[in-house]
Amino acid sequence: MKKLRIVYRKVKQIAVQANSERCLVLRQRWAISFLELDHKNKNIINIDETWLGMSDFRKMHWRPMDRNWSVKAKAVSPRISMIVAVDKFGNIWLSLT
């Protein structure tokens, strides 16, 4: 009978598309054009949406040496959506659904 050696290792992470070079450049170009606007007579509202679609946020876990180190995504059903808005005066609007 083969004896399993169990160790504690880091979980493999998948690259996030939001931080690709293309997305970083697009965000920078948007920020530059946004800062060039005349903000004196305008109330700018910044709105962002995100969601929580998983329930397992482990960075490391115990596994036998000969097994896969990835973790299956455990979906939250229904997912939790968050929408936040901030204006130039500091007012904040928040929606959780």
PDB file of N, CA and C in Angstrom:
ATOM      1  N   MET A   1       0.839  -1.178   0.000  1.00  0.00           N
ATOM      2  CA  MET A   1       0.000   0.000   0.000  1.00  0.00           C
ATOM      3  C   MET A   1       0.888   1.247   0.000  1.00  0.00           C
ATOM      4  N   LYS A   2       0.561   2.188  -0.875  1.00  0.00           N
ATOM      5  CA  LYS A   2       1.343   3.416  -1.016  1.00  0.00           C
ATOM      6  C   LYS A   2       0.957   4.412   0.070  1.00  0.00           C
ATOM      7  N   LYS A   3       1.948   4.993   0.726  1.00  0.00           N
ATOM      8  CA  LYS A   3       1.706   5.979   1.773  1.00  0.00           C
ATOM      9  C   LYS A   3       1.654   7.375   1.149  1.00  0.00           C
ATOM     10  N   LEU A   4       0.584   8.119   1.454  1.00  0.00           N
ATOM     11  CA  LEU A   4       0.419   9.463   0.920  1.00  0.00           C
ATOM     12  C   LEU A   4       1.119  10.474   1.822  1.00  0.00           C
ATOM     13  N   ARG A   5       1.833  11.385   1.207  1.00  0.00           N
ATOM     14  CA  ARG A   5       2.476  12.470   1.942  1.00  0.00           C
ATOM     15  C   ARG A   5       1.629  13.726   1.743  1.00  0.00           C
ATOM     16  N   ILE A   6       1.088  14.262   2.827  1.00  0.00           N
ATOM     17  CA  ILE A   6       0.207  15.422   2.755  1.00  0.00           C
ATOM     18  C   ILE A   6       0.998  16.661   3.165  1.00  0.00           C
ATOM     19  N   VAL A   7       0.923  17.704   2.323  1.00  0.00           N
ATOM     20  CA  VAL A   7       1.648  18.945   2.586  1.00  0.00           C
ATOM     21  C   VAL A   7       0.710  20.133   2.448  1.00  0.00           C
ATOM     22  N   TYR A   8       1.141  21.281   2.965  1.00  0.00           N
ATOM     23  CA  TYR A   8       0.395  22.531   2.938  1.00  0.00           C
ATOM     24  C   TYR A   8       1.050  23.440   1.913  1.00  0.00           C
ATOM     25  N   ARG A   9       0.338  23.740   0.830  1.00  0.00           N
ATOM     26  CA  ARG A   9       0.911  24.547  -0.243  1.00  0.00           C
ATOM     27  C   ARG A   9      -0.052  25.630  -0.712  1.00  0.00           C
ATOM     28  N   LYS A  10       0.504  26.565  -1.459  1.00  0.00           N
ATOM     29  CA  LYS A  10      -0.270  27.664  -2.010  1.00  0.00           C
ATOM     30  C   LYS A  10      -1.166  27.163  -3.141  1.00  0.00           C
ATOM     31  N   VAL A  11      -2.380  27.678  -3.191  1.00  0.00           N
ATOM     32  CA  VAL A  11      -3.337  27.338  -4.231  1.00  0.00           C
ATOM     33  C   VAL A  11      -2.951  28.074  -5.504  1.00  0.00           C
ATOM     34  N   LYS A  12      -3.069  27.426  -6.657  1.00  0.00           N
ATOM     35  CA  LYS A  12      -2.759  28.077  -7.931  1.00  0.00           C
ATOM     36  C   LYS A  12      -3.811  29.138  -8.241  1.00  0.00           C
ATOM     37  N   GLN A  13      -3.352  30.304  -8.627  1.00  0.00           N
ATOM     38  CA  GLN A  13      -4.243  31.408  -8.957  1.00  0.00           C
ATOM     39  C   GLN A  13      -4.355  31.545 -10.472  1.00  0.00           C
ATOM     40  N   ILE A  14      -5.510  31.962 -10.927  1.00  0.00           N
ATOM     41  CA  ILE A  14      -5.738  32.201 -12.347  1.00  0.00           C
ATOM     42  C   ILE A  14      -5.592  33.694 -12.603  1.00  0.00           C
ATOM     43  N   ALA A  15      -4.945  34.066 -13.708  1.00  0.00           N
ATOM     44  CA  ALA A  15      -4.734  35.473 -14.032  1.00  0.00           C
ATOM     45  C   ALA A  15      -6.062  36.192 -14.209  1.00  0.00           C
ATOM     46  N   VAL A  16      -6.133  37.405 -13.687  1.00  0.00           N
ATOM     47  CA  VAL A  16      -7.333  38.217 -13.785  1.00  0.00           C
ATOM     48  C   VAL A  16      -7.242  39.075 -15.041  1.00  0.00           C
ATOM     49  N   GLN A  17      -8.278  39.032 -15.857  1.00  0.00           N
ATOM     50  CA  GLN A  17      -8.289  39.804 -17.101  1.00  0.00           C
ATOM     51  C   GLN A  17      -8.343  41.306 -16.844  1.00  0.00           C
ATOM     52  N   ALA A  18      -8.883  41.723 -15.708  1.00  0.00           N
ATOM     53  CA  ALA A  18      -9.036  43.145 -15.422  1.00  0.00           C
ATOM     54  C   ALA A  18      -7.696  43.855 -15.301  1.00  0.00           C
ATOM     55  N   ASN A  19      -6.629  43.144 -14.996  1.00  0.00           N
ATOM     56  CA  ASN A  19      -5.326  43.776 -14.853  1.00  0.00           C
ATOM     57  C   ASN A  19      -4.399  43.484 -16.031  1.00  0.00           C
ATOM     58  N   SER A  20      -4.966  43.143 -17.165  1.00  0.00           N
ATOM     59  CA  SER A  20      -4.148  42.944 -18.353  1.00  0.00           C
ATOM     60  C   SER A  20      -3.607  44.295 -18.812  1.00  0.00           C
ATOM     61  N   GLU A  21      -2.576  44.287 -19.640  1.00  0.00           N
ATOM     62  CA  GLU A  21      -1.986  45.547 -20.120  1.00  0.00           C
ATOM     63  C   GLU A  21      -3.025  46.404 -20.820  1.00  0.00           C
ATOM     64  N   ARG A  22      -3.863  45.783 -21.613  1.00  0.00           N
ATOM     65  CA  ARG A  22      -4.893  46.513 -22.352  1.00  0.00           C
ATOM     66  C   ARG A  22      -5.831  47.253 -21.401  1.00  0.00           C
ATOM     67  N   CYS A  23      -6.305  46.576 -20.358  1.00  0.00           N
ATOM     68  CA  CYS A  23      -7.222  47.203 -19.403  1.00  0.00           C
ATOM     69  C   CYS A  23      -6.536  48.323 -18.620  1.00  0.00           C
ATOM     70  N   LEU A  24      -5.286  48.119 -18.243  1.00  0.00           N
ATOM     71  CA  LEU A  24      -4.560  49.156 -17.523  1.00  0.00           C
ATOM     72  C   LEU A  24      -4.381  50.410 -18.378  1.00  0.00           C
ATOM     73  N   VAL A  25      -4.061  50.228 -19.651  1.00  0.00           N
ATOM     74  CA  VAL A  25      -3.887  51.370 -20.555  1.00  0.00           C
ATOM     75  C   VAL A  25      -5.215  52.093 -20.762  1.00  0.00           C
ATOM     76  N   LEU A  26      -6.298  51.344 -20.943  1.00  0.00           N
ATOM     77  CA  LEU A  26      -7.606  51.968 -21.126  1.00  0.00           C
ATOM     78  C   LEU A  26      -8.030  52.759 -19.902  1.00  0.00           C
ATOM     79  N   ARG A  27      -7.792  52.217 -18.706  1.00  0.00           N
ATOM     80  CA  ARG A  27      -8.125  52.952 -17.483  1.00  0.00           C
ATOM     81  C   ARG A  27      -7.293  54.220 -17.353  1.00  0.00           C
ATOM     82  N   GLN A  28      -6.016  54.152 -17.723  1.00  0.00           N
ATOM     83  CA  GLN A  28      -5.148  55.328 -17.649  1.00  0.00           C
ATOM     84  C   GLN A  28      -5.611  56.401 -18.633  1.00  0.00           C
ATOM     85  N   ARG A  29      -5.949  56.000 -19.860  1.00  0.00           N
ATOM     86  CA  ARG A  29      -6.412  56.970 -20.856  1.00  0.00           C
ATOM     87  C   ARG A  29      -7.706  57.629 -20.414  1.00  0.00           C
ATOM     88  N   TRP A  30      -8.620  56.841 -19.802  1.00  0.00           N
ATOM     89  CA  TRP A  30      -9.866  57.403 -19.304  1.00  0.00           C
ATOM     90  C   TRP A  30      -9.580  58.404 -18.189  1.00  0.00           C
ATOM     91  N   ALA A  31      -8.676  58.091 -17.265  1.00  0.00           N
ATOM     92  CA  ALA A  31      -8.354  58.980 -16.151  1.00  0.00           C
ATOM     93  C   ALA A  31      -7.765  60.294 -16.648  1.00  0.00           C
ATOM     94  N   ILE A  32      -6.905  60.231 -17.648  1.00  0.00           N
ATOM     95  CA  ILE A  32      -6.302  61.450 -18.190  1.00  0.00           C
ATOM     96  C   ILE A  32      -7.374  62.336 -18.817  1.00  0.00           C
ATOM     97  N   SER A  33      -8.266  61.747 -19.608  1.00  0.00           N
ATOM     98  CA  SER A  33      -9.324  62.555 -20.227  1.00  0.00           C
ATOM     99  C   SER A  33     -10.312  63.063 -19.180  1.00  0.00           C
ATOM    100  N   PHE A  34     -10.562  62.296 -18.124  1.00  0.00           N
ATOM    101  CA  PHE A  34     -11.459  62.732 -17.054  1.00  0.00           C
ATOM    102  C   PHE A  34     -10.881  63.929 -16.312  1.00  0.00           C
ATOM    103  N   LEU A  35      -9.585  63.917 -16.038  1.00  0.00           N
ATOM    104  CA  LEU A  35      -8.959  65.013 -15.307  1.00  0.00           C
ATOM    105  C   LEU A  35      -8.881  66.292 -16.126  1.00  0.00           C
ATOM    106  N   GLU A  36      -8.970  66.192 -17.446  1.00  0.00           N
ATOM    107  CA  GLU A  36      -8.935  67.371 -18.298  1.00  0.00           C
ATOM    108  C   GLU A  36     -10.280  68.080 -18.378  1.00  0.00           C
ATOM    109  N   LEU A  37     -11.350  67.463 -17.915  1.00  0.00           N
ATOM    110  CA  LEU A  37     -12.685  68.073 -17.962  1.00  0.00           C
ATOM    111  C   LEU A  37     -12.766  69.268 -17.023  1.00  0.00           C
ATOM    112  N   ASP A  38     -13.674  70.184 -17.349  1.00  0.00           N
ATOM    113  CA  ASP A  38     -13.931  71.329 -16.473  1.00  0.00           C
ATOM    114  C   ASP A  38     -14.958  70.896 -15.432  1.00  0.00           C
ATOM    115  N   HIS A  39     -14.532  70.754 -14.190  1.00  0.00           N
ATOM    116  CA  HIS A  39     -15.405  70.235 -13.135  1.00  0.00           C
ATOM    117  C   HIS A  39     -16.131  71.325 -12.352  1.00  0.00           C
ATOM    118  N   LYS A  40     -15.960  72.574 -12.718  1.00  0.00           N
ATOM    119  CA  LYS A  40     -16.531  73.667 -11.928  1.00  0.00           C
ATOM    120  C   LYS A  40     -18.052  73.622 -11.867  1.00  0.00           C
ATOM    121  N   ASN A  41     -18.705  73.411 -12.982  1.00  0.00           N
ATOM    122  CA  ASN A  41     -20.162  73.478 -13.031  1.00  0.00           C
ATOM    123  C   ASN A  41     -20.818  72.106 -13.170  1.00  0.00           C
ATOM    124  N   LYS A  42     -20.064  71.071 -12.927  1.00  0.00           N
ATOM    125  CA  LYS A  42     -20.607  69.726 -13.119  1.00  0.00           C
ATOM    126  C   LYS A  42     -20.446  68.902 -11.849  1.00  0.00           C
ATOM    127  N   ASN A  43     -21.455  68.102 -11.551  1.00  0.00           N
ATOM    128  CA  ASN A  43     -21.357  67.144 -10.459  1.00  0.00           C
ATOM    129  C   ASN A  43     -21.093  65.776 -11.099  1.00  0.00           C
ATOM    130  N   ILE A  44     -19.882  65.281 -10.953  1.00  0.00           N
ATOM    131  CA  ILE A  44     -19.488  64.011 -11.548  1.00  0.00           C
ATOM    132  C   ILE A  44     -19.817  62.888 -10.567  1.00  0.00           C
ATOM    133  N   ILE A  45     -20.537  61.879 -11.043  1.00  0.00           N
ATOM    134  CA  ILE A  45     -20.870  60.710 -10.222  1.00  0.00           C
ATOM    135  C   ILE A  45     -20.143  59.509 -10.807  1.00  0.00           C
ATOM    136  N   ASN A  46     -19.331  58.857  -9.983  1.00  0.00           N
ATOM    137  CA  ASN A  46     -18.593  57.669 -10.403  1.00  0.00           C
ATOM    138  C   ASN A  46     -19.344  56.450  -9.881  1.00  0.00           C
ATOM    139  N   ILE A  47     -19.723  55.550 -10.772  1.00  0.00           N
ATOM    140  CA  ILE A  47     -20.489  54.356 -10.416  1.00  0.00           C
ATOM    141  C   ILE A  47     -19.660  53.125 -10.747  1.00  0.00           C
ATOM    142  N   ASP A  48     -19.624  52.188  -9.811  1.00  0.00           N
ATOM    143  CA  ASP A  48     -18.900  50.944 -10.039  1.00  0.00           C
ATOM    144  C   ASP A  48     -19.768  49.777  -9.578  1.00  0.00           C
ATOM    145  N   GLU A  49     -19.695  48.682 -10.312  1.00  0.00           N
ATOM    146  CA  GLU A  49     -20.466  47.494  -9.967  1.00  0.00           C
ATOM    147  C   GLU A  49     -19.528  46.301  -9.877  1.00  0.00           C
ATOM    148  N   THR A  50     -19.770  45.470  -8.910  1.00  0.00           N
ATOM    149  CA  THR A  50     -19.018  44.227  -8.767  1.00  0.00           C
ATOM    150  C   THR A  50     -19.952  43.168  -8.208  1.00  0.00           C
ATOM    151  N   TRP A  51     -19.484  41.957  -8.123  1.00  0.00           N
ATOM    152  CA  TRP A  51     -20.305  40.899  -7.557  1.00  0.00           C
ATOM    153  C   TRP A  51     -19.434  39.899  -6.829  1.00  0.00           C
ATOM    154  N   LEU A  52     -20.064  39.209  -5.930  1.00  0.00           N
ATOM    155  CA  LEU A  52     -19.427  38.147  -5.171  1.00  0.00           C
ATOM    156  C   LEU A  52     -20.059  36.851  -5.653  1.00  0.00           C
ATOM    157  N   GLY A  53     -19.311  36.107  -6.464  1.00  0.00           N
ATOM    158  CA  GLY A  53     -19.880  34.917  -7.073  1.00  0.00           C
ATOM    159  C   GLY A  53     -19.287  33.625  -6.553  1.00  0.00           C
ATOM    160  N   MET A  54     -18.424  33.705  -5.535  1.00  0.00           N
ATOM    161  CA  MET A  54     -17.828  32.485  -4.988  1.00  0.00           C
ATOM    162  C   MET A  54     -17.760  32.597  -3.474  1.00  0.00           C
ATOM    163  N   SER A  55     -17.559  31.460  -2.826  1.00  0.00           N
ATOM    164  CA  SER A  55     -17.559  31.455  -1.366  1.00  0.00           C
ATOM    165  C   SER A  55     -16.273  30.890  -0.778  1.00  0.00           C
ATOM    166  N   ASP A  56     -15.312  30.537  -1.625  1.00  0.00           N
ATOM    167  CA  ASP A  56     -14.069  29.938  -1.136  1.00  0.00           C
ATOM    168  C   ASP A  56     -12.899  30.848  -1.484  1.00  0.00           C
ATOM    169  N   PHE A  57     -12.300  31.498  -0.481  1.00  0.00           N
ATOM    170  CA  PHE A  57     -11.228  32.455  -0.705  1.00  0.00           C
ATOM    171  C   PHE A  57      -9.902  31.979  -0.122  1.00  0.00           C
ATOM    172  N   ARG A  58      -9.727  30.657  -0.009  1.00  0.00           N
ATOM    173  CA  ARG A  58      -8.492  30.125   0.562  1.00  0.00           C
ATOM    174  C   ARG A  58      -7.311  30.405  -0.356  1.00  0.00           C
ATOM    175  N   LYS A  59      -6.185  30.751   0.257  1.00  0.00           N
ATOM    176  CA  LYS A  59      -4.943  30.937  -0.493  1.00  0.00           C
ATOM    177  C   LYS A  59      -4.078  29.682  -0.433  1.00  0.00           C
ATOM    178  N   MET A  60      -4.212  28.902   0.656  1.00  0.00           N
ATOM    179  CA  MET A  60      -3.431  27.675   0.826  1.00  0.00           C
ATOM    180  C   MET A  60      -4.324  26.600   1.431  1.00  0.00           C
ATOM    181  N   HIS A  61      -3.980  25.336   1.181  1.00  0.00           N
ATOM    182  CA  HIS A  61      -4.736  24.246   1.808  1.00  0.00           C
ATOM    183  C   HIS A  61      -3.911  22.966   1.800  1.00  0.00           C
ATOM    184  N   TRP A  62      -4.370  22.002   2.586  1.00  0.00           N
ATOM    185  CA  TRP A  62      -3.690  20.707   2.696  1.00  0.00           C
ATOM    186  C   TRP A  62      -4.153  19.803   1.578  1.00  0.00           C
ATOM    187  N   ARG A  63      -3.213  19.104   0.928  1.00  0.00           N
ATOM    188  CA  ARG A  63      -3.516  18.164  -0.140  1.00  0.00           C
ATOM    189  C   ARG A  63      -2.419  17.119  -0.208  1.00  0.00           C
ATOM    190  N   PRO A  64      -2.750  15.886  -0.596  1.00  0.00           N
ATOM    191  CA  PRO A  64      -1.695  14.901  -0.847  1.00  0.00           C
ATOM    192  C   PRO A  64      -0.802  15.371  -2.000  1.00  0.00           C
ATOM    193  N   MET A  65       0.462  14.979  -1.968  1.00  0.00           N
ATOM    194  CA  MET A  65       1.454  15.431  -2.948  1.00  0.00           C
ATOM    195  C   MET A  65       1.065  15.119  -4.392  1.00  0.00           C
ATOM    196  N   ASP A  66       0.407  13.990  -4.625  1.00  0.00           N
ATOM    197  CA  ASP A  66       0.119  13.574  -5.998  1.00  0.00           C
ATOM    198  C   ASP A  66      -1.223  14.090  -6.522  1.00  0.00           C
ATOM    199  N   ARG A  67      -1.824  15.046  -5.857  1.00  0.00           N
ATOM    200  CA  ARG A  67      -3.128  15.576  -6.252  1.00  0.00           C
ATOM    201  C   ARG A  67      -2.997  16.984  -6.830  1.00  0.00           C
ATOM    202  N   ASN A  68      -4.066  17.420  -7.473  1.00  0.00           N
ATOM    203  CA  ASN A  68      -4.146  18.748  -8.069  1.00  0.00           C
ATOM    204  C   ASN A  68      -4.222  19.810  -6.961  1.00  0.00           C
ATOM    205  N   TRP A  69      -3.530  20.934  -7.140  1.00  0.00           N
ATOM    206  CA  TRP A  69      -3.497  21.986  -6.119  1.00  0.00           C
ATOM    207  C   TRP A  69      -4.528  23.079  -6.358  1.00  0.00           C
ATOM    208  N   SER A  70      -5.342  22.952  -7.366  1.00  0.00           N
ATOM    209  CA  SER A  70      -6.351  23.975  -7.620  1.00  0.00           C
ATOM    210  C   SER A  70      -7.588  23.710  -6.763  1.00  0.00           C
ATOM    211  N   VAL A  71      -8.401  24.742  -6.596  1.00  0.00           N
ATOM    212  CA  VAL A  71      -9.625  24.652  -5.799  1.00  0.00           C
ATOM    213  C   VAL A  71     -10.809  24.924  -6.707  1.00  0.00           C
ATOM    214  N   LYS A  72     -11.826  24.101  -6.627  1.00  0.00           N
ATOM    215  CA  LYS A  72     -13.022  24.312  -7.429  1.00  0.00           C
ATOM    216  C   LYS A  72     -13.752  25.559  -6.944  1.00  0.00           C
ATOM    217  N   ALA A  73     -14.242  26.329  -7.900  1.00  0.00           N
ATOM    218  CA  ALA A  73     -14.999  27.529  -7.556  1.00  0.00           C
ATOM    219  C   ALA A  73     -16.372  27.113  -7.054  1.00  0.00           C
ATOM    220  N   LYS A  74     -16.685  27.489  -5.823  1.00  0.00           N
ATOM    221  CA  LYS A  74     -17.990  27.201  -5.249  1.00  0.00           C
ATOM    222  C   LYS A  74     -18.855  28.431  -5.438  1.00  0.00           C
ATOM    223  N   ALA A  75     -19.785  28.344  -6.344  1.00  0.00           N
ATOM    224  CA  ALA A  75     -20.599  29.496  -6.710  1.00  0.00           C
ATOM    225  C   ALA A  75     -21.610  29.817  -5.621  1.00  0.00           C
ATOM    226  N   VAL A  76     -21.825  31.116  -5.422  1.00  0.00           N
ATOM    227  CA  VAL A  76     -22.884  31.593  -4.545  1.00  0.00           C
ATOM    228  C   VAL A  76     -24.110  31.757  -5.436  1.00  0.00           C
ATOM    229  N   SER A  77     -25.198  31.136  -5.051  1.00  0.00           N
ATOM    230  CA  SER A  77     -26.390  31.209  -5.890  1.00  0.00           C
ATOM    231  C   SER A  77     -27.565  31.710  -5.073  1.00  0.00           C
ATOM    232  N   PRO A  78     -28.175  32.798  -5.393  1.00  0.00           N
ATOM    233  CA  PRO A  78     -27.772  33.737  -6.435  1.00  0.00           C
ATOM    234  C   PRO A  78     -26.571  34.560  -5.960  1.00  0.00           C
ATOM    235  N   ARG A  79     -25.840  35.104  -6.910  1.00  0.00           N
ATOM    236  CA  ARG A  79     -24.647  35.876  -6.555  1.00  0.00           C
ATOM    237  C   ARG A  79     -25.033  37.185  -5.878  1.00  0.00           C
ATOM    238  N   ILE A  80     -24.107  37.741  -5.120  1.00  0.00           N
ATOM    239  CA  ILE A  80     -24.322  39.001  -4.415  1.00  0.00           C
ATOM    240  C   ILE A  80     -23.757  40.123  -5.283  1.00  0.00           C
ATOM    241  N   SER A  81     -24.609  41.060  -5.695  1.00  0.00           N
ATOM    242  CA  SER A  81     -24.177  42.183  -6.526  1.00  0.00           C
ATOM    243  C   SER A  81     -24.087  43.442  -5.681  1.00  0.00           C
ATOM    244  N   MET A  82     -23.032  44.231  -5.938  1.00  0.00           N
ATOM    245  CA  MET A  82     -22.833  45.484  -5.217  1.00  0.00           C
ATOM    246  C   MET A  82     -22.645  46.606  -6.219  1.00  0.00           C
ATOM    247  N   ILE A  83     -23.408  47.681  -6.050  1.00  0.00           N
ATOM    248  CA  ILE A  83     -23.263  48.872  -6.891  1.00  0.00           C
ATOM    249  C   ILE A  83     -23.014  50.048  -5.951  1.00  0.00           C
ATOM    250  N   VAL A  84     -21.937  50.779  -6.210  1.00  0.00           N
ATOM    251  CA  VAL A  84     -21.578  51.922  -5.375  1.00  0.00           C
ATOM    252  C   VAL A  84     -21.395  53.133  -6.275  1.00  0.00           C
ATOM    253  N   ALA A  85     -21.909  54.282  -5.832  1.00  0.00           N
ATOM    254  CA  ALA A  85     -21.742  55.533  -6.561  1.00  0.00           C
ATOM    255  C   ALA A  85     -21.205  56.592  -5.597  1.00  0.00           C
ATOM    256  N   VAL A  86     -20.270  57.404  -6.087  1.00  0.00           N
ATOM    257  CA  VAL A  86     -19.683  58.495  -5.298  1.00  0.00           C
ATOM    258  C   VAL A  86     -19.677  59.736  -6.180  1.00  0.00           C
ATOM    259  N   ASP A  87     -20.146  60.870  -5.620  1.00  0.00           N
ATOM    260  CA  ASP A  87     -20.077  62.106  -6.404  1.00  0.00           C
ATOM    261  C   ASP A  87     -18.926  62.972  -5.914  1.00  0.00           C
ATOM    262  N   LYS A  88     -18.711  64.121  -6.574  1.00  0.00           N
ATOM    263  CA  LYS A  88     -17.549  64.950  -6.255  1.00  0.00           C
ATOM    264  C   LYS A  88     -17.665  65.635  -4.901  1.00  0.00           C
ATOM    265  N   PHE A  89     -18.865  65.639  -4.310  1.00  0.00           N
ATOM    266  CA  PHE A  89     -19.042  66.229  -2.993  1.00  0.00           C
ATOM    267  C   PHE A  89     -18.858  65.219  -1.870  1.00  0.00           C
ATOM    268  N   GLY A  90     -18.656  63.968  -2.209  1.00  0.00           N
ATOM    269  CA  GLY A  90     -18.436  62.938  -1.207  1.00  0.00           C
ATOM    270  C   GLY A  90     -19.670  62.146  -0.835  1.00  0.00           C
ATOM    271  N   ASN A  91     -20.799  62.411  -1.488  1.00  0.00           N
ATOM    272  CA  ASN A  91     -22.010  61.617  -1.231  1.00  0.00           C
ATOM    273  C   ASN A  91     -21.811  60.212  -1.762  1.00  0.00           C
ATOM    274  N   ILE A  92     -22.316  59.223  -1.024  1.00  0.00           N
ATOM    275  CA  ILE A  92     -22.132  57.823  -1.394  1.00  0.00           C
ATOM    276  C   ILE A  92     -23.489  57.140  -1.466  1.00  0.00           C
ATOM    277  N   TRP A  93     -23.703  56.365  -2.531  1.00  0.00           N
ATOM    278  CA  TRP A  93     -24.883  55.544  -2.676  1.00  0.00           C
ATOM    279  C   TRP A  93     -24.431  54.102  -2.806  1.00  0.00           C
ATOM    280  N   LEU A  94     -25.107  53.194  -2.107  1.00  0.00           N
ATOM    281  CA  LEU A  94     -24.711  51.793  -2.086  1.00  0.00           C
ATOM    282  C   LEU A  94     -25.932  50.904  -2.279  1.00  0.00           C
ATOM    283  N   SER A  95     -25.796  49.913  -3.124  1.00  0.00           N
ATOM    284  CA  SER A  95     -26.864  48.942  -3.356  1.00  0.00           C
ATOM    285  C   SER A  95     -26.307  47.526  -3.280  1.00  0.00           C
ATOM    286  N   LEU A  96     -26.900  46.703  -2.430  1.00  0.00           N
ATOM    287  CA  LEU A  96     -26.557  45.284  -2.338  1.00  0.00           C
ATOM    288  C   LEU A  96     -27.783  44.485  -2.748  1.00  0.00           C
ATOM    289  N   THR A  97     -27.608  43.588  -3.725  1.00  0.00           N
ATOM    290  CA  THR A  97     -28.749  42.774  -4.155  1.00  0.00           C
ATOM    291  C   THR A  97     -28.322  41.321  -4.229  1.00  0.00           C
TER     292      THR A  97
END
